[in-house]
Protein backbone atom coordinates (compact mmCIF):
# COMPACT_ATOMS: atom_id res chain seq x y z
CA MET A 1 -28.53 -6.38 44.84
CA ASN A 2 -31.86 -4.51 44.88
CA ALA A 3 -32.14 -1.44 47.06
CA PRO A 4 -33.34 -2.18 50.60
CA ARG A 5 -37.06 -1.76 51.08
CA LEU A 6 -38.73 0.53 53.58
CA LEU A 7 -39.92 -1.58 56.51
CA ALA A 8 -43.00 0.56 57.23
CA GLY A 9 -44.77 0.23 53.89
CA PRO A 10 -48.25 1.57 53.08
CA LEU A 11 -51.15 0.21 55.10
CA PRO A 12 -53.58 -2.03 53.20
CA ASP A 13 -56.77 -0.68 51.65
CA ASN A 14 -56.40 3.00 52.49
CA ASP A 15 -53.29 4.91 53.51
CA PRO A 16 -53.91 8.56 52.61
CA VAL A 17 -50.62 9.91 54.00
CA PHE A 18 -47.92 7.41 53.04
CA GLY A 19 -45.10 9.21 51.19
CA ARG A 20 -47.18 12.33 50.52
CA GLY A 21 -45.54 15.74 50.72
CA ILE A 22 -46.72 18.81 52.59
CA ALA A 23 -47.90 20.63 49.46
CA GLU A 24 -49.88 17.59 48.36
CA LEU A 25 -51.51 17.26 51.78
CA ARG A 26 -52.38 20.97 51.79
CA THR A 27 -54.00 20.62 48.36
CA ALA A 28 -56.02 17.61 49.52
CA MET A 29 -57.30 19.61 52.50
CA ALA A 30 -58.06 22.65 50.33
CA ASP A 31 -60.04 20.44 47.93
CA GLY A 32 -62.01 18.93 50.80
CA ASN A 33 -60.62 15.42 50.24
CA LEU A 34 -58.83 15.27 53.59
CA SER A 35 -59.11 17.11 56.89
CA ALA A 36 -56.49 17.77 59.52
CA MET A 37 -58.26 15.20 61.70
CA ASP A 38 -57.96 12.68 58.85
CA LEU A 39 -54.21 13.34 58.72
CA VAL A 40 -53.75 12.86 62.46
CA ARG A 41 -55.76 9.63 62.44
CA ALA A 42 -53.86 8.31 59.43
CA TYR A 43 -50.44 9.01 60.94
CA LEU A 44 -51.52 7.50 64.26
CA ALA A 45 -52.63 4.38 62.39
CA ARG A 46 -49.22 4.10 60.74
CA ILE A 47 -47.46 4.53 64.09
CA ALA A 48 -49.69 1.86 65.66
CA ALA A 49 -48.94 -0.55 62.83
CA HIS A 50 -45.18 -0.07 62.55
CA ASP A 51 -43.62 1.55 65.61
CA GLN A 52 -44.20 -0.97 68.40
CA ALA A 53 -45.94 -3.58 66.23
CA GLY A 54 -44.78 -4.91 62.85
CA PRO A 55 -41.09 -4.05 62.37
CA ALA A 56 -41.13 -2.39 65.83
CA LEU A 57 -39.05 0.58 64.72
CA ASN A 58 -39.39 2.28 68.12
CA ALA A 59 -39.06 5.81 66.75
CA VAL A 60 -41.92 7.51 68.62
CA LEU A 61 -41.40 8.11 72.33
CA ALA A 62 -44.71 9.80 73.20
CA LEU A 63 -47.89 10.96 71.48
CA ASN A 64 -49.68 14.24 72.04
CA GLY A 65 -53.06 13.45 73.61
CA GLN A 66 -54.35 16.80 72.30
CA ALA A 67 -53.38 16.21 68.65
CA LEU A 68 -56.91 15.40 67.50
CA ALA A 69 -58.31 18.39 69.37
CA GLU A 70 -55.70 20.64 67.75
CA ALA A 71 -56.60 19.15 64.36
CA ALA A 72 -60.28 19.86 64.97
CA GLU A 73 -59.43 23.51 65.65
CA ARG A 74 -57.45 23.72 62.39
CA ASP A 75 -60.41 22.24 60.49
CA VAL A 76 -62.82 24.79 61.98
CA GLU A 77 -60.44 27.59 61.03
CA ARG A 78 -60.34 26.29 57.46
CA GLN A 79 -64.12 26.05 57.30
CA HIS A 80 -64.41 29.65 58.49
CA GLY A 81 -62.04 30.87 55.78
CA ALA A 82 -59.21 31.90 58.07
CA ALA A 83 -55.94 32.96 56.50
CA LEU A 84 -53.99 29.72 56.40
CA ALA A 85 -50.33 29.56 57.43
CA PRO A 86 -47.80 27.37 55.54
CA LEU A 87 -48.23 24.34 57.84
CA HIS A 88 -51.93 24.70 58.63
CA GLY A 89 -53.20 21.32 59.79
CA ILE A 90 -49.92 19.51 59.09
CA PRO A 91 -48.83 17.00 61.79
CA ILE A 92 -45.17 17.27 62.83
CA LEU A 93 -43.04 15.19 65.21
CA LEU A 94 -40.40 16.70 67.52
CA LYS A 95 -37.21 15.20 68.93
CA ASP A 96 -37.74 14.73 72.65
CA ASN A 97 -35.11 17.20 73.75
CA ILE A 98 -37.31 20.05 72.47
CA ASP A 99 -39.58 21.58 75.12
CA THR A 100 -43.29 21.22 74.42
CA ILE A 101 -46.12 22.39 76.66
CA GLY A 102 -48.38 19.58 77.79
CA MET A 103 -45.85 16.83 77.11
CA PRO A 104 -42.74 15.49 78.82
CA THR A 105 -39.38 16.53 77.41
CA THR A 106 -36.94 13.88 78.59
CA ALA A 107 -33.91 13.93 76.28
CA GLY A 108 -34.31 10.15 76.30
CA SER A 109 -33.25 9.77 79.95
CA LEU A 110 -35.09 7.95 82.72
CA ALA A 111 -33.72 10.60 85.02
CA LEU A 112 -35.75 13.25 83.17
CA ALA A 113 -38.90 11.17 82.67
CA GLY A 114 -40.88 13.51 84.93
CA ARG A 115 -39.71 16.73 83.30
CA ARG A 116 -42.65 18.90 82.17
CA PRO A 117 -41.61 22.21 80.58
CA LEU A 118 -43.76 25.25 81.29
CA ARG A 119 -43.35 26.80 77.85
CA ASP A 120 -42.76 25.76 74.24
CA ALA A 121 -39.30 25.92 72.73
CA ASP A 122 -38.85 28.69 70.18
CA VAL A 123 -39.08 26.23 67.28
CA VAL A 124 -42.35 24.83 68.62
CA ARG A 125 -43.85 28.32 68.89
CA ARG A 126 -42.94 29.01 65.28
CA LEU A 127 -44.36 25.72 64.06
CA ARG A 128 -47.62 26.27 65.94
CA LYS A 129 -47.86 29.83 64.59
CA ALA A 130 -47.49 28.36 61.10
CA GLY A 131 -50.44 26.07 61.81
CA ALA A 132 -48.60 22.83 62.52
CA ILE A 133 -50.01 20.16 64.83
CA VAL A 134 -47.59 18.62 67.31
CA LEU A 135 -48.27 14.90 66.86
CA GLY A 136 -45.73 13.69 69.42
CA LYS A 137 -42.08 13.26 70.38
CA THR A 138 -39.42 11.03 68.84
CA THR A 139 -36.70 8.92 70.40
CA LEU A 140 -33.08 10.03 70.60
CA HIS A 141 -29.73 8.84 71.81
CA GLU A 142 -29.75 9.46 75.56
CA LEU A 143 -29.07 13.13 76.36
CA ALA A 144 -28.07 13.44 72.67
CA CYS A 145 -24.66 11.99 73.63
CA GLY A 146 -24.14 9.52 70.78
CA ILE A 147 -25.10 8.38 67.30
CA THR A 148 -26.66 4.89 67.63
CA ASN A 149 -29.98 6.04 69.17
CA VAL A 150 -30.10 4.00 72.35
CA SER A 151 -31.43 5.32 75.65
CA SER A 152 -32.48 4.29 79.15
CA LEU A 153 -36.01 5.53 78.47
CA SER A 154 -36.77 4.10 75.03
CA GLY A 155 -34.22 1.34 74.43
CA ARG A 156 -33.08 0.91 70.82
CA THR A 157 -34.49 2.51 67.70
CA ARG A 158 -34.15 0.53 64.47
CA ASN A 159 -33.15 1.65 61.00
CA ALA A 160 -36.11 2.33 58.69
CA TYR A 161 -34.68 -0.06 56.08
CA ASP A 162 -32.95 -2.74 58.19
CA ALA A 163 -34.26 -3.60 61.66
CA ALA A 164 -30.94 -5.23 62.56
CA ARG A 165 -29.03 -1.96 62.13
CA VAL A 166 -28.85 1.37 63.92
CA PRO A 167 -30.64 4.43 62.54
CA GLY A 168 -27.88 6.85 63.46
CA GLY A 169 -28.34 9.56 66.03
CA SER A 170 -28.87 11.40 68.05
CA SER A 171 -31.94 12.45 66.00
CA GLY A 172 -32.47 8.85 64.94
CA GLY A 173 -36.12 8.69 65.96
CA SER A 174 -36.94 11.78 63.89
CA ALA A 175 -35.19 10.34 60.83
CA VAL A 176 -36.91 6.96 61.09
CA ALA A 177 -40.28 8.60 61.70
CA VAL A 178 -39.88 10.81 58.63
CA ALA A 179 -38.77 7.92 56.41
CA SER A 180 -41.68 5.82 57.68
CA SER A 181 -44.38 8.49 57.14
CA PHE A 182 -45.22 8.69 60.84
CA ALA A 183 -45.72 12.44 60.30
CA ALA A 184 -45.40 14.91 57.46
CA ALA A 185 -41.94 15.93 58.74
CA ALA A 186 -39.92 16.18 61.94
CA ILE A 187 -37.57 18.47 63.81
CA GLY A 188 -34.21 17.31 65.14
CA THR A 189 -31.15 18.84 66.75
CA ASP A 190 -27.55 18.68 65.60
CA THR A 191 -24.39 19.18 67.65
CA SER A 192 -21.79 17.27 65.65
CA GLY A 193 -23.82 15.32 63.08
CA SER A 194 -26.99 14.38 64.95
CA ILE A 195 -29.33 15.41 62.13
CA ARG A 196 -27.15 14.54 59.16
CA ILE A 197 -25.98 11.05 60.20
CA PRO A 198 -29.48 9.60 60.72
CA ALA A 199 -30.73 11.48 57.66
CA ALA A 200 -28.13 9.65 55.56
CA PHE A 201 -28.83 6.26 57.14
CA ASN A 202 -32.60 6.54 56.61
CA GLN A 203 -32.61 8.30 53.23
CA VAL A 204 -34.23 11.55 54.28
CA TRP A 205 -33.18 15.19 54.02
CA GLY A 206 -31.61 16.87 57.03
CA LEU A 207 -30.42 20.46 57.44
CA ARG A 208 -28.01 21.83 60.04
CA PRO A 209 -28.40 25.63 59.99
CA THR A 210 -25.67 28.24 60.43
CA ALA A 211 -24.59 28.63 64.05
CA GLY A 212 -26.71 31.30 65.72
CA ARG A 213 -29.10 31.48 62.79
CA TYR A 214 -31.87 29.95 64.84
CA SER A 215 -32.70 30.13 68.55
CA ASN A 216 -32.05 27.03 70.68
CA ALA A 217 -34.24 28.35 73.50
CA GLY A 218 -36.12 25.47 75.04
CA VAL A 219 -33.77 22.72 73.88
CA VAL A 220 -32.04 20.46 76.44
CA PRO A 221 -28.40 21.41 75.79
CA LEU A 222 -25.43 19.32 74.82
CA SER A 223 -23.08 22.14 73.77
CA PRO A 224 -24.53 25.67 73.68
CA THR A 225 -21.82 26.68 71.22
CA LEU A 226 -22.49 23.85 68.75
CA ASP A 227 -26.17 22.95 69.28
CA THR A 228 -28.59 23.74 66.46
CA VAL A 229 -32.23 22.94 65.68
CA GLY A 230 -32.99 21.76 62.16
CA PRO A 231 -35.69 20.26 59.93
CA MET A 232 -35.86 16.71 58.58
CA ALA A 233 -38.13 15.71 55.70
CA ARG A 234 -38.74 13.20 52.92
CA SER A 235 -38.20 15.73 50.16
CA ARG A 236 -36.30 18.90 49.41
CA ALA A 237 -39.61 20.72 48.89
CA ASP A 238 -40.85 19.76 52.36
CA LEU A 239 -37.54 20.76 53.91
CA ASP A 240 -37.78 24.11 52.12
CA ILE A 241 -41.23 24.74 53.62
CA LEU A 242 -40.06 23.89 57.12
CA TRP A 243 -36.98 26.08 56.80
CA SER A 244 -39.08 28.99 55.56
CA VAL A 245 -41.10 28.75 58.77
CA MET A 246 -38.03 28.42 61.00
CA ALA A 247 -35.65 30.94 59.42
CA ASP A 248 -35.18 34.43 60.82
CA ARG A 249 -34.13 35.93 57.53
CA ASP A 250 -33.47 35.09 53.89
CA GLY A 251 -30.11 33.59 53.03
CA GLN A 252 -27.89 33.85 50.00
CA ALA A 253 -29.56 33.74 46.59
CA ARG A 254 -28.18 31.74 43.68
CA ARG A 255 -26.01 33.68 41.26
CA ALA A 256 -27.85 33.42 37.97
CA GLY A 257 -26.11 32.24 34.85
CA GLN A 258 -23.21 30.48 36.54
CA GLY A 259 -22.55 26.76 36.90
CA TRP A 260 -22.07 25.38 40.39
CA ARG A 261 -18.49 25.24 41.63
CA ILE A 262 -18.07 22.39 44.10
CA GLY A 263 -15.00 21.43 46.11
CA THR A 264 -14.63 17.84 47.27
CA LEU A 265 -12.93 17.03 50.57
CA ASP A 266 -10.87 13.97 49.69
CA ALA A 267 -9.92 13.30 53.33
CA PHE A 268 -13.62 12.69 54.08
CA PHE A 269 -13.94 9.86 51.55
CA GLY A 270 -13.24 6.55 53.31
CA SER A 271 -11.12 3.78 51.81
CA ALA A 272 -11.58 0.87 54.24
CA GLY A 273 -14.00 -1.96 53.48
CA GLU A 274 -17.58 -0.72 52.97
CA GLU A 275 -16.33 2.85 52.98
CA GLN A 276 -15.06 2.31 49.45
CA GLU A 277 -18.61 1.58 48.24
CA VAL A 278 -19.90 4.75 49.84
CA SER A 279 -17.07 6.80 48.35
CA ARG A 280 -17.71 5.42 44.86
CA HIS A 281 -21.42 6.15 45.17
CA VAL A 282 -20.84 9.76 46.22
CA ARG A 283 -18.26 10.34 43.49
CA ALA A 284 -20.64 8.90 40.92
CA ALA A 285 -23.34 11.30 42.07
CA LEU A 286 -20.93 14.21 41.80
CA ALA A 287 -19.84 13.04 38.35
CA GLY A 288 -23.47 13.15 37.27
CA TRP A 289 -23.72 16.70 38.57
CA GLN A 290 -20.60 17.61 36.64
CA ALA A 291 -22.13 16.15 33.49
CA ASP A 292 -25.03 18.56 34.06
CA GLY A 293 -22.68 21.54 34.06
CA ALA A 294 -21.24 21.78 37.57
CA HIS A 295 -17.51 22.22 38.05
CA ILE A 296 -16.16 19.66 40.52
CA GLN A 297 -12.63 19.89 41.89
CA PRO A 298 -10.73 18.86 45.04
CA ALA A 299 -10.66 21.53 47.71
CA VAL A 300 -7.22 22.45 48.98
CA LEU A 301 -7.72 21.87 52.72
CA ALA A 302 -5.89 19.92 55.42
CA LEU A 303 -8.75 18.59 57.54
CA GLU A 304 -7.53 15.55 59.43
CA ASP A 305 -9.94 13.96 61.92
CA ALA A 306 -7.60 14.79 64.81
CA ARG A 307 -7.81 18.52 64.06
CA LEU A 308 -11.59 18.42 63.99
CA THR A 309 -11.80 16.47 67.23
CA ALA A 310 -9.44 18.95 68.89
CA ALA A 311 -11.81 21.78 67.87
CA ASN A 312 -14.91 20.13 69.42
CA VAL A 313 -15.90 22.06 72.55
CA THR A 314 -18.75 19.75 73.64
CA GLY A 315 -16.86 18.07 76.46
CA TYR A 316 -16.12 21.43 78.10
CA GLU A 317 -19.73 22.66 77.98
CA PHE A 318 -22.08 19.72 78.49
CA ARG A 319 -21.91 19.19 82.25
CA ASP A 320 -22.47 22.82 83.22
CA ALA A 321 -25.10 23.46 80.53
CA LEU A 322 -27.11 20.44 81.64
CA ALA A 323 -26.95 21.52 85.29
CA LEU A 324 -28.31 24.94 84.34
CA CYS A 325 -31.15 23.29 82.42
CA LEU A 326 -32.04 21.04 85.38
CA ARG A 327 -31.78 23.75 88.01
CA ASP A 328 -35.48 24.66 88.03
CA ALA A 329 -36.92 21.48 86.52
CA GLY A 330 -38.33 20.17 89.81
CA LEU A 331 -36.56 16.82 89.44
CA ARG A 332 -34.63 14.71 91.93
CA VAL A 333 -31.58 15.07 89.71
CA ARG A 334 -29.96 18.47 89.31
CA SER A 335 -26.67 17.53 87.66
CA LEU A 336 -24.92 14.98 85.50
CA THR A 337 -23.33 13.60 88.66
CA ASP A 338 -26.80 13.01 90.13
CA ILE A 339 -27.85 11.17 86.96
CA LEU A 340 -24.80 8.93 87.09
CA ASP A 341 -25.03 8.33 90.85
CA GLY A 342 -28.66 7.32 90.41
CA GLY A 343 -27.69 4.65 87.90
CA TYR A 344 -30.06 6.06 85.30
CA PRO A 345 -28.05 5.98 82.03
CA HIS A 346 -28.16 3.13 79.54
CA PRO A 347 -25.00 1.00 79.89
CA GLU A 348 -23.83 1.98 76.41
CA VAL A 349 -24.14 5.68 77.23
CA ALA A 350 -22.78 5.73 80.78
CA PRO A 351 -19.04 5.55 79.97
CA LEU A 352 -19.11 8.73 77.87
CA LEU A 353 -21.21 10.52 80.48
CA ARG A 354 -18.71 9.58 83.20
CA GLU A 355 -15.89 10.89 81.03
CA ARG A 356 -17.66 14.21 80.51
CA ASP A 357 -18.61 14.49 84.17
CA ALA A 358 -14.96 14.04 85.17
CA LEU A 359 -13.62 16.66 82.75
CA ARG A 360 -12.55 19.82 84.56
CA ASP A 361 -11.51 23.22 83.22
CA PRO A 362 -11.26 25.45 86.32
CA ASP A 363 -10.21 28.69 84.63
CA GLY A 364 -11.93 28.07 81.27
CA GLY A 365 -8.60 28.13 79.46
CA ALA A 366 -8.99 24.72 77.82
CA ARG A 367 -12.39 25.67 76.40
CA LEU A 368 -11.00 28.92 74.99
CA ALA A 369 -8.14 27.03 73.34
CA VAL A 370 -10.62 24.68 71.67
CA LEU A 371 -12.69 27.60 70.41
CA ALA A 372 -9.54 29.22 69.00
CA ARG A 373 -8.76 26.05 67.05
CA ALA A 374 -12.32 26.04 65.73
CA ARG A 375 -11.99 29.65 64.51
CA THR A 376 -8.76 28.77 62.73
CA LEU A 377 -10.48 25.89 60.93
CA ARG A 378 -13.36 28.13 59.89
CA ASP A 379 -10.96 30.73 58.53
CA GLU A 380 -9.10 28.06 56.55
CA VAL A 381 -12.32 26.64 55.08
CA LEU A 382 -13.62 30.02 53.97
CA ALA A 383 -10.22 31.05 52.59
CA ALA A 384 -10.00 27.86 50.53
CA MET A 385 -13.52 28.39 49.18
CA ASP A 386 -12.75 32.01 48.29
CA GLN A 387 -9.44 31.15 46.65
CA SER A 388 -11.02 28.59 44.33
CA GLN A 389 -14.32 30.50 44.01
CA LEU A 390 -16.26 27.52 45.35
CA ASP A 391 -19.98 27.71 46.05
CA LEU A 392 -20.06 24.61 48.23
CA LEU A 393 -18.01 21.73 49.63
CA ALA A 394 -19.15 18.13 49.13
CA TYR A 395 -18.37 14.79 50.79
CA PRO A 396 -20.18 11.73 52.22
CA SER A 397 -22.39 12.46 55.22
CA VAL A 398 -21.06 9.23 56.72
CA ARG A 399 -18.11 7.28 55.37
CA GLY A 400 -19.48 3.79 55.96
CA ALA A 401 -22.57 1.74 56.76
CA PRO A 402 -24.91 1.78 59.77
CA VAL A 403 -23.61 -0.83 62.22
CA LEU A 404 -25.55 -3.69 63.78
CA LEU A 405 -27.55 -2.87 66.90
CA GLY A 406 -25.30 -2.79 69.94
CA GLU A 407 -22.11 -2.02 68.03
CA PRO A 408 -20.29 1.35 68.15
CA GLN A 409 -20.80 3.62 65.15
CA ARG A 410 -17.93 5.51 63.56
CA GLY A 411 -17.22 7.33 60.33
CA GLY A 412 -19.35 10.46 60.56
CA ASN A 413 -18.17 13.63 58.85
CA GLY A 414 -20.39 15.95 60.86
CA LEU A 415 -17.78 17.77 62.90
CA LEU A 416 -16.66 20.11 60.13
CA ALA A 417 -19.94 22.02 59.95
CA ALA A 418 -20.28 21.88 63.73
CA VAL A 419 -16.94 23.38 64.73
CA THR A 420 -16.91 25.97 61.91
CA GLY A 421 -20.52 26.98 62.50
CA LEU A 422 -21.26 26.71 58.78
CA PRO A 423 -24.53 25.25 57.44
CA ALA A 424 -24.66 21.74 55.98
CA LEU A 425 -27.31 19.65 54.25
CA SER A 426 -27.43 15.86 54.05
CA VAL A 427 -28.99 14.83 50.74
CA PRO A 428 -30.26 11.24 50.30
CA ILE A 429 -28.70 9.72 47.18
CA GLY A 430 -29.86 6.12 47.48
CA PHE A 431 -28.01 2.91 48.22
CA THR A 432 -24.80 1.30 47.03
CA ASP A 433 -24.95 -2.01 45.15
CA GLY A 434 -24.19 -3.62 48.51
CA GLY A 435 -27.23 -1.98 50.09
CA ILE A 436 -25.48 0.75 52.10
CA PRO A 437 -27.59 3.92 52.49
CA VAL A 438 -25.66 6.99 51.38
CA GLY A 439 -26.05 10.67 52.08
CA LEU A 440 -24.17 13.42 50.26
CA GLU A 441 -23.31 16.33 52.53
CA LEU A 442 -23.11 19.84 51.12
CA LEU A 443 -21.52 22.62 53.18
CA GLY A 444 -21.75 26.33 52.42
CA ARG A 445 -20.84 29.73 53.77
CA ALA A 446 -22.74 31.28 56.65
CA ASP A 447 -26.44 31.92 55.96
CA SER A 448 -26.36 29.92 52.72
CA GLU A 449 -29.18 27.49 53.63
CA ARG A 450 -31.24 28.59 50.64
CA LEU A 451 -28.25 28.08 48.38
CA LEU A 452 -27.78 24.54 49.74
CA LEU A 453 -31.40 23.71 49.05
CA GLN A 454 -31.19 25.09 45.53
CA ALA A 455 -28.06 23.10 44.76
CA ALA A 456 -29.55 19.91 46.17
CA GLN A 457 -32.57 20.13 43.88
CA ARG A 458 -30.47 18.41 41.23
CA PHE A 459 -30.37 15.20 43.28
CA GLU A 460 -34.13 14.94 43.80
CA THR A 461 -35.00 14.59 40.13
CA GLY A 462 -36.22 11.10 39.35
CA ARG A 463 -35.40 9.70 42.79
CA SER A 464 -37.84 7.19 44.32
CA VAL A 465 -37.90 5.12 47.52
CA ALA A 466 -38.33 1.35 47.38
CA VAL A 467 -41.26 0.02 49.42
């Protein structure tokens, strides 16, 4: 069959922003063909046409009422010849668990609808310093506790290519917004796959940075140990620009003159039903890379799902971390128990929240045991990479297809990067013959984000999106 088509196609007559990259938009502004105000108006027009109207993707939770004023300031700065930062005048969307002055930050929960942060999150400060315009906030799975992107505040978000299917989560709104050209790019958060799963399902690029590489200050927490903030974009080049703004320091550089050495994780390739299509598609992409000179081989690692789940510390951190976040928020709710007792959560989210609220670890021993298992896994991964001299590991971002709205989603491979703290990049590699969107995940050593982006450049050549 033909590849699925993007539901939010270009607007008739004039759509100056559809599918255009950050560098192209910057050039248009430098040449005087577009202004920052033009960009904001154009993105707002696309949101109006496709988010609640048209295919009703429901990816944007709130708009920044000051976006046009901010754009006007950027235009004046350009006219006065100010030194222009990398994102000067570029509209960006933020996942709504990222604190932003002047806007609610709700984490997708009715219980937090009145939350107004008093300062920007660290990532927002960096984006603003780089000249970006905060266009608005995107939907997410409630409290970031799931991967189908449903919440009590926003309802359901739809996949950018199939309105009957989920977009993935919990950064599903950011992924759909990026795919649909609702902004130049977006920022998401990732705890155990929340950037990479929706990136794969909506054919965009999504980066989970190395643990501790970037500050999570100002982000509503899920697991302080595993939470990360990361960029999502339509192209590798746009992702590279965003990461350059976000990163604290340069990462590993590519070793010149050597072919890539890639280890595949065979346990992460599914074999049931539609998973077989995804596995074939990923292996075909890797075979093409090998034909270009890469060395592809199976990695010698025992990484069963049960071991990864047993190394996930989220359940032992969420309740207390959320209570600390709510302590001074001025809300009626001050804990997860309050949220549950108030009947706020969406029915599909409530069971997991009750489970996490009931989990107790009085002396912290269970949490420490989980962290020890995670360190063992990290040591094993790095030892296997060193032994075979591997640059990266590769596997499907998700083993199967996005499910129909209302169904539970399974099959993500996001826990490996999460529990080991290693960086991972979901690369869009198109659709299977059956129409399943596929992402290829690349995982590297600590601080190898730049290496991941360099390796992924191979998959961007000649790729186009059907509209």
